[in-house]
Structures are given as structure tokens and as C-alpha cells.
C-alpha atoms as a PDB file:
ATOM      1  CA  MET A   1       0.000   0.000   0.000  1.00  0.00           C
ATOM      2  CA  THR A   2       1.250   3.493  -0.850  1.00  0.00           C
ATOM      3  CA  PHE A   3       0.677   6.425   1.499  1.00  0.00           C
ATOM      4  CA  PRO A   4       1.398  10.144   1.105  1.00  0.00           C
ATOM      5  CA  ALA A   5       4.410  11.089   3.243  1.00  0.00           C
ATOM      6  CA  CYS A   6       2.479  13.296   5.660  1.00  0.00           C
ATOM      7  CA  ARG A   7       1.469  13.211   9.317  1.00  0.00           C
ATOM      8  CA  GLU A   8      -1.608  11.073   8.629  1.00  0.00           C
ATOM      9  CA  ALA A   9       0.469   8.342   6.993  1.00  0.00           C
ATOM     10  CA  VAL A  10       1.595   6.932  10.352  1.00  0.00           C
ATOM     11  CA  ARG A  11      -1.946   6.313  11.606  1.00  0.00           C
ATOM     12  CA  GLN A  12      -3.198   5.094   8.233  1.00  0.00           C
ATOM     13  CA  ALA A  13      -0.299   2.672   7.732  1.00  0.00           C
ATOM     14  CA  ARG A  14      -0.665   1.300  11.243  1.00  0.00           C
ATOM     15  CA  ARG A  15      -4.369   0.549  10.780  1.00  0.00           C
ATOM     16  CA  TRP A  16      -3.822  -0.954   7.343  1.00  0.00           C
ATOM     17  CA  ALA A  17      -1.041  -3.209   8.637  1.00  0.00           C
ATOM     18  CA  VAL A  18      -3.243  -4.633  11.395  1.00  0.00           C
ATOM     19  CA  ASN A  19      -5.921  -5.442   8.820  1.00  0.00           C
ATOM     20  CA  CYS A  20      -3.335  -7.497   6.923  1.00  0.00           C
ATOM     21  CA  LEU A  21      -2.981  -9.894   9.861  1.00  0.00           C
ATOM     22  CA  PRO A  22      -5.115 -13.035  10.277  1.00  0.00           C
ATOM     23  CA  GLY A  23      -7.161 -11.480  13.103  1.00  0.00           C
ATOM     24  CA  PRO A  24      -7.087  -9.276  16.218  1.00  0.00           C
ATOM     25  CA  ASP A  25      -5.757 -12.209  18.261  1.00  0.00           C
ATOM     26  CA  CYS A  26      -2.554 -12.451  16.218  1.00  0.00           C
ATOM     27  CA  PRO A  27       0.160 -12.681  18.919  1.00  0.00           C
ATOM     28  CA  VAL A  28       2.465 -10.264  17.108  1.00  0.00           C
ATOM     29  CA  ALA A  29      -0.190  -7.617  16.279  1.00  0.00           C
ATOM     30  CA  ALA A  30       1.093  -5.125  18.866  1.00  0.00           C
ATOM     31  CA  ASP A  31       4.682  -5.419  17.628  1.00  0.00           C
ATOM     32  CA  VAL A  32       3.516  -4.952  14.030  1.00  0.00           C
ATOM     33  CA  GLN A  33       1.744  -1.717  14.995  1.00  0.00           C
ATOM     34  CA  LEU A  34       4.825  -0.452  16.804  1.00  0.00           C
ATOM     35  CA  CYS A  35       7.268  -1.303  14.003  1.00  0.00           C
ATOM     36  CA  VAL A  36       5.100   0.144  11.228  1.00  0.00           C
ATOM     37  CA  SER A  37       4.597   3.301  13.273  1.00  0.00           C
ATOM     38  CA  GLU A  38       8.330   3.761  13.911  1.00  0.00           C
ATOM     39  CA  LEU A  39       9.427   2.958  10.351  1.00  0.00           C
ATOM     40  CA  VAL A  40       6.859   5.191   8.654  1.00  0.00           C
ATOM     41  CA  THR A  41       7.574   8.023  11.096  1.00  0.00           C
ATOM     42  CA  ASN A  42      11.255   7.672  10.237  1.00  0.00           C
ATOM     43  CA  SER A  43      10.513   7.935   6.505  1.00  0.00           C
ATOM     44  CA  VAL A  44       8.235  10.944   6.896  1.00  0.00           C
ATOM     45  CA  LEU A  45      10.789  12.761   9.052  1.00  0.00           C
ATOM     46  CA  HIS A  46      14.094  11.831   7.468  1.00  0.00           C
ATOM     47  CA  SER A  47      13.705  11.061   3.761  1.00  0.00           C
ATOM     48  CA  ARG A  48      13.132  12.878   0.492  1.00  0.00           C
ATOM     49  CA  SER A  49       9.572  11.563   0.635  1.00  0.00           C
ATOM     50  CA  GLY A  50       8.757  13.675   3.651  1.00  0.00           C
ATOM     51  CA  LEU A  51      10.752  16.720   2.637  1.00  0.00           C
ATOM     52  CA  LEU A  52       9.568  17.158  -0.967  1.00  0.00           C
ATOM     53  CA  PRO A  53       6.011  17.836  -2.238  1.00  0.00           C
ATOM     54  CA  GLY A  54       4.211  14.730  -3.450  1.00  0.00           C
ATOM     55  CA  GLY A  55       6.497  12.315  -1.598  1.00  0.00           C
ATOM     56  CA  GLN A  56       5.223   8.814  -0.874  1.00  0.00           C
ATOM     57  CA  VAL A  57       5.906   5.971   1.532  1.00  0.00           C
ATOM     58  CA  ARG A  58       5.240   2.393   0.423  1.00  0.00           C
ATOM     59  CA  VAL A  59       4.500  -0.349   2.970  1.00  0.00           C
ATOM     60  CA  ARG A  60       4.471  -4.083   2.261  1.00  0.00           C
ATOM     61  CA  ILE A  61       3.284  -6.729   4.757  1.00  0.00           C
ATOM     62  CA  SER A  62       4.048 -10.432   4.226  1.00  0.00           C
ATOM     63  CA  VAL A  63       2.554 -13.016   6.592  1.00  0.00           C
ATOM     64  CA  ALA A  64       3.542 -16.620   7.191  1.00  0.00           C
ATOM     65  CA  ALA A  65       0.914 -17.502   9.792  1.00  0.00           C
ATOM     66  CA  GLY A  66       2.452 -19.290  12.741  1.00  0.00           C
ATOM     67  CA  SER A  67       6.018 -18.381  11.696  1.00  0.00           C
ATOM     68  CA  TRP A  68       6.663 -14.700  11.002  1.00  0.00           C
ATOM     69  CA  VAL A  69       5.451 -11.303   9.733  1.00  0.00           C
ATOM     70  CA  ARG A  70       7.749  -9.269   7.463  1.00  0.00           C
ATOM     71  CA  ILE A  71       7.373  -5.503   7.165  1.00  0.00           C
ATOM     72  CA  GLU A  72       8.992  -3.441   4.412  1.00  0.00           C
ATOM     73  CA  VAL A  73       8.853   0.356   4.268  1.00  0.00           C
ATOM     74  CA  ARG A  74      10.299   2.113   1.221  1.00  0.00           C
ATOM     75  CA  ASP A  75      10.668   5.860   0.809  1.00  0.00           C
ATOM     76  CA  ASP A  76      12.367   8.054  -1.798  1.00  0.00           C
ATOM     77  CA  GLY A  77      15.795   7.770  -0.220  1.00  0.00           C
ATOM     78  CA  PRO A  78      17.924  10.027   1.973  1.00  0.00           C
ATOM     79  CA  PRO A  79      17.719  13.815   1.576  1.00  0.00           C
ATOM     80  CA  ASP A  80      21.378  13.814   0.556  1.00  0.00           C
ATOM     81  CA  TRP A  81      21.683  11.452  -2.386  1.00  0.00           C
ATOM     82  CA  ALA A  82      25.438  11.279  -1.788  1.00  0.00           C
ATOM     83  CA  ALA A  83      24.630   9.192   1.263  1.00  0.00           C
ATOM     84  CA  ALA A  84      22.983   6.598  -0.962  1.00  0.00           C
ATOM     85  CA  ALA A  85      26.291   5.918  -2.680  1.00  0.00           C
ATOM     86  CA  LYS A  86      27.927   4.827   0.565  1.00  0.00           C
ATOM     87  CA  PRO A  87      27.990   1.079   1.358  1.00  0.00           C
ATOM     88  CA  ALA A  88      25.087   0.083   3.598  1.00  0.00           C
ATOM     89  CA  ALA A  89      25.147  -2.583   6.296  1.00  0.00           C
ATOM     90  CA  VAL A  90      22.081  -4.589   5.351  1.00  0.00           C
ATOM     91  CA  THR A  91      21.836  -6.214   8.792  1.00  0.00           C
ATOM     92  CA  GLN A  92      21.769  -2.945  10.719  1.00  0.00           C
ATOM     93  CA  PRO A  93      19.039  -0.272  10.708  1.00  0.00           C
ATOM     94  CA  GLY A  94      20.060   3.259   9.868  1.00  0.00           C
ATOM     95  CA  ALA A  95      19.539   6.482  11.777  1.00  0.00           C
ATOM     96  CA  SER A  96      16.024   7.586  12.707  1.00  0.00           C
ATOM     97  CA  ALA A  97      14.250  10.262  14.657  1.00  0.00           C
ATOM     98  CA  GLU A  98      15.767  11.138  18.015  1.00  0.00           C
ATOM     99  CA  GLU A  99      19.173   9.566  17.458  1.00  0.00           C
ATOM    100  CA  GLY A 100      17.949   6.240  16.132  1.00  0.00           C
ATOM    101  CA  ARG A 101      15.853   5.258  19.133  1.00  0.00           C
ATOM    102  CA  GLY A 102      12.941   4.123  16.970  1.00  0.00           C
ATOM    103  CA  LEU A 103      14.935   1.805  14.716  1.00  0.00           C
ATOM    104  CA  ARG A 104      16.959   0.427  17.635  1.00  0.00           C
ATOM    105  CA  LEU A 105      13.679  -0.587  19.235  1.00  0.00           C
ATOM    106  CA  VAL A 106      12.497  -2.180  15.980  1.00  0.00           C
ATOM    107  CA  ARG A 107      15.709  -4.191  15.778  1.00  0.00           C
ATOM    108  CA  ALA A 108      15.316  -5.348  19.381  1.00  0.00           C
ATOM    109  CA  LEU A 109      11.753  -6.540  18.774  1.00  0.00           C
ATOM    110  CA  ALA A 110      12.912  -8.463  15.709  1.00  0.00           C
ATOM    111  CA  GLY A 111      15.768 -10.152  17.529  1.00  0.00           C
ATOM    112  CA  GLY A 112      18.179  -8.744  14.935  1.00  0.00           C
ATOM    113  CA  GLU A 113      16.122  -9.745  11.877  1.00  0.00           C
ATOM    114  CA  SER A 114      16.020  -6.253  10.383  1.00  0.00           C
ATOM    115  CA  GLY A 115      18.010  -3.998   8.099  1.00  0.00           C
ATOM    116  CA  GLU A 116      18.128  -1.351   5.384  1.00  0.00           C
ATOM    117  CA  ASN A 117      19.804  -0.801   2.044  1.00  0.00           C
ATOM    118  CA  GLY A 118      20.794   2.848   2.459  1.00  0.00           C
ATOM    119  CA  LYS A 119      18.541   3.913  -0.437  1.00  0.00           C
ATOM    120  CA  GLY A 120      15.132   4.087   1.221  1.00  0.00           C
ATOM    121  CA  LEU A 121      14.250   0.461   2.024  1.00  0.00           C
ATOM    122  CA  TYR A 122      13.807  -0.623   5.650  1.00  0.00           C
ATOM    123  CA  TRP A 123      12.692  -4.118   6.590  1.00  0.00           C
ATOM    124  CA  VAL A 124      11.994  -6.163   9.692  1.00  0.00           C
ATOM    125  CA  ARG A 125      10.871  -9.772  10.185  1.00  0.00           C
ATOM    126  CA  LEU A 126       9.012 -10.398  13.438  1.00  0.00           C
ATOM    127  CA  PRO A 127       8.661 -13.888  14.911  1.00  0.00           C
ATOM    128  CA  TRP A 128       5.087 -15.071  15.428  1.00  0.00           C
ATOM    129  CA  SER A 129       5.753 -15.236  19.176  1.00  0.00           C
ATOM    130  CA  PRO A 130       7.044 -11.822  20.357  1.00  0.00           C
ATOM    131  CA  VAL A 131      10.639 -11.613  21.567  1.00  0.00           C
ATOM    132  CA  PRO A 132      11.087 -10.030  25.032  1.00  0.00           C
ATOM    133  CA  VAL A 133      13.182  -6.851  24.759  1.00  0.00           C
ATOM    134  CA  ALA A 134      15.144  -7.179  28.008  1.00  0.00           C
ATOM    135  CA  GLY A 135      14.580  -8.227  31.585  1.00  0.00           C
ATOM    136  CA  ALA A 136      11.585 -10.040  33.023  1.00  0.00           C
ATOM    137  CA  ALA A 137       8.860  -7.887  31.494  1.00  0.00           C
ATOM    138  CA  PRO A 138       5.237  -8.414  32.605  1.00  0.00           C
ATOM    139  CA  GLU A 139       4.137  -8.330  28.938  1.00  0.00           C
ATOM    140  CA  PRO A 140       5.884  -8.074  25.560  1.00  0.00           C
ATOM    141  CA  TRP A 141       7.105  -4.529  24.898  1.00  0.00           C
ATOM    142  CA  GLY A 142       4.878  -4.091  21.858  1.00  0.00           C
ATOM    143  CA  THR A 143       1.773  -4.923  23.907  1.00  0.00           C
ATOM    144  CA  ARG A 144       2.680  -2.416  26.587  1.00  0.00           C
ATOM    145  CA  TRP A 145       3.575   0.221  23.977  1.00  0.00           C
ATOM    146  CA  VAL A 146       0.145  -0.059  22.358  1.00  0.00           C
ATOM    147  CA  LYS A 147      -1.602   0.110  25.753  1.00  0.00           C
ATOM    148  CA  VAL A 148       0.240   3.300  26.664  1.00  0.00           C
ATOM    149  CA  MET A 149      -0.378   4.934  23.275  1.00  0.00           C
ATOM    150  CA  GLU A 150      -4.074   4.053  23.296  1.00  0.00           C
ATOM    151  CA  ARG A 151      -4.432   5.315  26.858  1.00  0.00           C
ATOM    152  CA  ALA A 152      -2.763   8.573  25.796  1.00  0.00           C
ATOM    153  CA  GLY A 153      -4.940   8.888  22.708  1.00  0.00           C
ATOM    154  CA  TRP A 154      -1.717   9.026  20.648  1.00  0.00           C
ATOM    155  CA  LEU A 155      -0.887  12.400  22.220  1.00  0.00           C
ATOM    156  CA  CYS A 156       1.959  13.490  24.482  1.00  0.00           C
ATOM    157  CA  GLU A 157       1.037  12.780  28.111  1.00  0.00           C
ATOM    158  CA  CYS A 158       3.478  15.248  29.660  1.00  0.00           C
ATOM    159  CA  THR A 159       2.096  16.738  32.879  1.00  0.00           C
ATOM    160  CA  GLY A 160       5.299  18.204  34.208  1.00  0.00           C
ATOM    161  CA  GLN A 161       7.896  15.489  33.472  1.00  0.00           C
ATOM    162  CA  CYS A 162       9.641  18.005  31.196  1.00  0.00           C
ATOM    163  CA  GLY A 163      10.363  20.273  34.155  1.00  0.00           C
ATOM    164  CA  ARG A 164       7.592  22.818  33.577  1.00  0.00           C
ATOM    165  CA  ALA A 165       5.183  22.514  36.482  1.00  0.00           C
ATOM    166  CA  GLY A 166       1.601  21.981  35.366  1.00  0.00           C
ATOM    167  CA  HIS A 167       2.622  21.746  31.693  1.00  0.00           C
ATOM    168  CA  ARG A 168       0.230  19.851  29.443  1.00  0.00           C
ATOM    169  CA  CYS A 169       1.622  19.173  25.988  1.00  0.00           C
ATOM    170  CA  PRO A 170      -0.746  18.997  22.975  1.00  0.00           C
ATOM    171  CA  ALA A 171       1.764  17.295  20.679  1.00  0.00           C
ATOM    172  CA  GLY A 172       0.640  14.155  18.839  1.00  0.00           C
ATOM    173  CA  HIS A 173       2.364  11.272  17.075  1.00  0.00           C
ATOM    174  CA  ALA A 174       3.133  13.211  13.914  1.00  0.00           C
ATOM    175  CA  PRO A 175       6.130  14.580  12.014  1.00  0.00           C
ATOM    176  CA  ARG A 176       8.314  16.739  14.276  1.00  0.00           C
ATOM    177  CA  TYR A 177       6.567  15.210  17.293  1.00  0.00           C
ATOM    178  CA  PRO A 178       7.462  11.495  17.405  1.00  0.00           C
ATOM    179  CA  LEU A 179       6.234   9.924  20.645  1.00  0.00           C
ATOM    180  CA  HIS A 180       8.426   7.808  22.916  1.00  0.00           C
ATOM    181  CA  VAL A 181       7.162   5.417  25.605  1.00  0.00           C
ATOM    182  CA  VAL A 182       9.373   5.940  28.645  1.00  0.00           C
ATOM    183  CA  PRO A 183       9.181   5.453  32.442  1.00  0.00           C
ATOM    184  CA  ALA A 184       6.710   7.847  34.058  1.00  0.00           C
ATOM    185  CA  ALA A 185       9.281   8.604  36.759  1.00  0.00           C
ATOM    186  CA  PRO A 186      12.951   9.260  35.928  1.00  0.00           C
ATOM    187  CA  ALA A 187      14.566   5.849  35.632  1.00  0.00           C
ATOM    188  CA  GLY A 188      16.333   5.619  32.269  1.00  0.00           C
ATOM    189  CA  ASP A 189      15.581   3.592  29.148  1.00  0.00           C
ATOM    190  CA  ALA A 190      16.778   0.291  30.606  1.00  0.00           C
ATOM    191  CA  ALA A 191      14.181   0.402  33.382  1.00  0.00           C
ATOM    192  CA  ALA A 192      11.332   0.624  30.880  1.00  0.00           C
ATOM    193  CA  ALA A 193      11.900  -2.998  29.872  1.00  0.00           C
ATOM    194  CA  SER A 194      10.626  -4.292  33.229  1.00  0.00           C
ATOM    195  CA  LEU A 195       7.847  -1.756  33.904  1.00  0.00           C
ATOM    196  CA  PRO A 196       4.139  -2.473  33.327  1.00  0.00           C
ATOM    197  CA  ALA A 197       2.111  -0.155  31.107  1.00  0.00           C
ATOM    198  CA  GLU A 198       0.880   1.679  34.204  1.00  0.00           C
ATOM    199  CA  GLY A 199       4.454   2.750  34.953  1.00  0.00           C
ATOM    200  CA  LEU A 200       5.100   4.112  31.452  1.00  0.00           C
ATOM    201  CA  VAL A 201       4.144   7.361  29.749  1.00  0.00           C
ATOM    202  CA  ALA A 202       4.100   8.637  26.145  1.00  0.00           C
ATOM    203  CA  LEU A 203       6.194  11.786  25.653  1.00  0.00           C
ATOM    204  CA  CYS A 204       6.975  13.814  22.548  1.00  0.00           C
ATOM    205  CA  ALA A 205      10.610  14.469  21.674  1.00  0.00           C
ATOM    206  CA  GLY A 206      10.688  17.894  23.323  1.00  0.00           C
ATOM    207  CA  CYS A 207       9.148  16.751  26.588  1.00  0.00           C
ATOM    208  CA  ARG A 208      11.342  13.651  26.690  1.00  0.00           C
ATOM    209  CA  ASP A 209      14.458  15.769  26.226  1.00  0.00           C
ATOM    210  CA  GLY A 210      13.284  18.040  29.041  1.00  0.00           C
ATOM    211  CA  ALA A 211      12.726  15.055  31.324  1.00  0.00           C
ATOM    212  CA  GLU A 212      16.196  13.737  30.520  1.00  0.00           C
ATOM    213  CA  ARG A 213      17.745  17.122  31.317  1.00  0.00           C
ATOM    214  CA  MET A 214      15.902  17.170  34.640  1.00  0.00           C
ATOM    215  CA  THR A 215      17.213  13.692  35.430  1.00  0.00           C
ATOM    216  CA  ALA A 216      20.761  14.679  34.467  1.00  0.00           C
ATOM    217  CA  ARG A 217      20.646  17.811  36.643  1.00  0.00           C
ATOM    218  CA  GLY A 218      19.373  15.748  39.570  1.00  0.00           C
ATOM    219  CA  ALA A 219      22.183  13.236  39.173  1.00  0.00           C
ATOM    220  CA  ALA A 220      24.765  16.039  39.021  1.00  0.00           C
ATOM    221  CA  ALA A 221      23.486  17.815  42.151  1.00  0.00           C
ATOM    222  CA  PRO A 222      25.967  17.721  45.063  1.00  0.00           C
ATOM    223  CA  GLN A 223      25.102  15.441  47.955  1.00  0.00           C
ATOM    224  CA  PRO A 224      24.430  17.040  51.370  1.00  0.00           C
ATOM    225  CA  ASP A 225      27.565  15.463  52.803  1.00  0.00           C
ATOM    226  CA  ALA A 226      29.815  16.466  49.880  1.00  0.00           C
ATOM    227  CA  LEU A 227      33.294  17.440  51.047  1.00  0.00           C
ATOM    228  CA  PHE A 228      33.389  20.536  48.821  1.00  0.00           C
ATOM    229  CA  PRO A 229      29.802  21.616  48.023  1.00  0.00           C
ATOM    230  CA  SER A 230      29.483  23.775  44.899  1.00  0.00           C
ATOM    231  CA  GLY A 231      29.136  27.508  45.356  1.00  0.00           C
ATOM    232  CA  GLY A 232      31.060  27.609  48.615  1.00  0.00           C
ATOM    233  CA  GLY A 233      34.337  29.220  49.454  1.00  0.00           C
ATOM    234  CA  SER A 234      37.694  27.586  49.964  1.00  0.00           C
END
């Protein structure tokens, strides 16, 4: 299916992909939604398709019921065509929004069965039984991701995590505002793997960056018993 490379493409591609599966009880349905969302967002944000008028993103879903689901997303290539001439590592995903977080997550869900050709094609093959991301998670990451996003209405849930007291962010899952599912309380990316959906929150890129800065400032603050507290004399 071909979609226009605009903000609505992410939602449309996600819904279309789910309809390609055998039914709503498909065990990998949540991971398919997550991967399609991340890959299409990446194309809309970081390819010629999203930057030039009339750009398109093409999505292909192949299903081997009981074995795997393969997702392919093809855009019009990198904004700088010189980059397309460089050798591509076909077993590693390329850069994506917010320093590659989205494609790193896709690769983790696929257990390494993912890649790109450096010219606009991204692919991932998901096992029929979801692969745990890390740690003893209460549910597969894709399932928890979908629960959080649906609870948030696909909008940023920031209510002060960014450091602005009482702030409520209106940003949605759209170009320039990719959403990230992170711990509701400062804990770092690694902790998210073992948290239930109730302990996670959807934040846009700006609010997530603000939360990370708050966490970094807290970690750098001097301890009460520091030998030489900052700001003091000799």
C-alpha cells in the first residue's frame, strides 16, 4: 500500500497493517503496529519523501501464519543522495528520529532480523511469538507500547515530566513530534523494559528531552555530605 508522506500516513499505515494480519488475536499484532509506526515516522521525518512535495511511503506486509510477519517500508531515499552511494550494512538499521531510538527498538523486537539498504528500504521480520526486549517484562514490549499509546490517545502525556510545572503538551504522534514510551518517573531507558504499562508514559521528543535534562541535573546535584559543596568558598 502506498501512502502520502504526511502526518496522517503513520496512523493510516498502522491501521492498514493490522488489517493485513489473520485477526485481532494475532500474537504479534502489537509489535507490528509499533514497528510500522516507527518505520513510517522515520521515513516521513528523514527522507526525500517527507521533505519534498508529493512524496510517498510504500509499505508491504508479508505473513507466514504461525512463523513470522515481514514488514517493508520504502521511501524516496535520503535527503542527501550522496549518502545513498555509501555502502550500507544490510543487517543494521540506519539512523532515525531522536538519534535512532525508533529503529533500535524495531531491531530489538525483531531479535536482529532487520536492516536497510541505504537507499530508502527498511525491513523487519518479526517472529510469530514476540521476543522479550530485556529483563523479566510483565508483557511483551509491543503490547505495553500499544496500551500506553491508546491510553494517551496518541498524544503526548506530559504533565510536568519536562520540568515545567503543570505543563500539558498537545503534541501528537506526527512529524516533528514522534512519541516515545518511557518510564513515568525518571529511571532511564533500561528500566522501561521491566515496567508495566501503568508505569510508562508517552512523551513527545521535546518533553522527553526536558525530562532527561531534569534527570541529568538531579544526578549532578551535590550530595548534602559532599566534602566541597558547589558555590562555597575555599
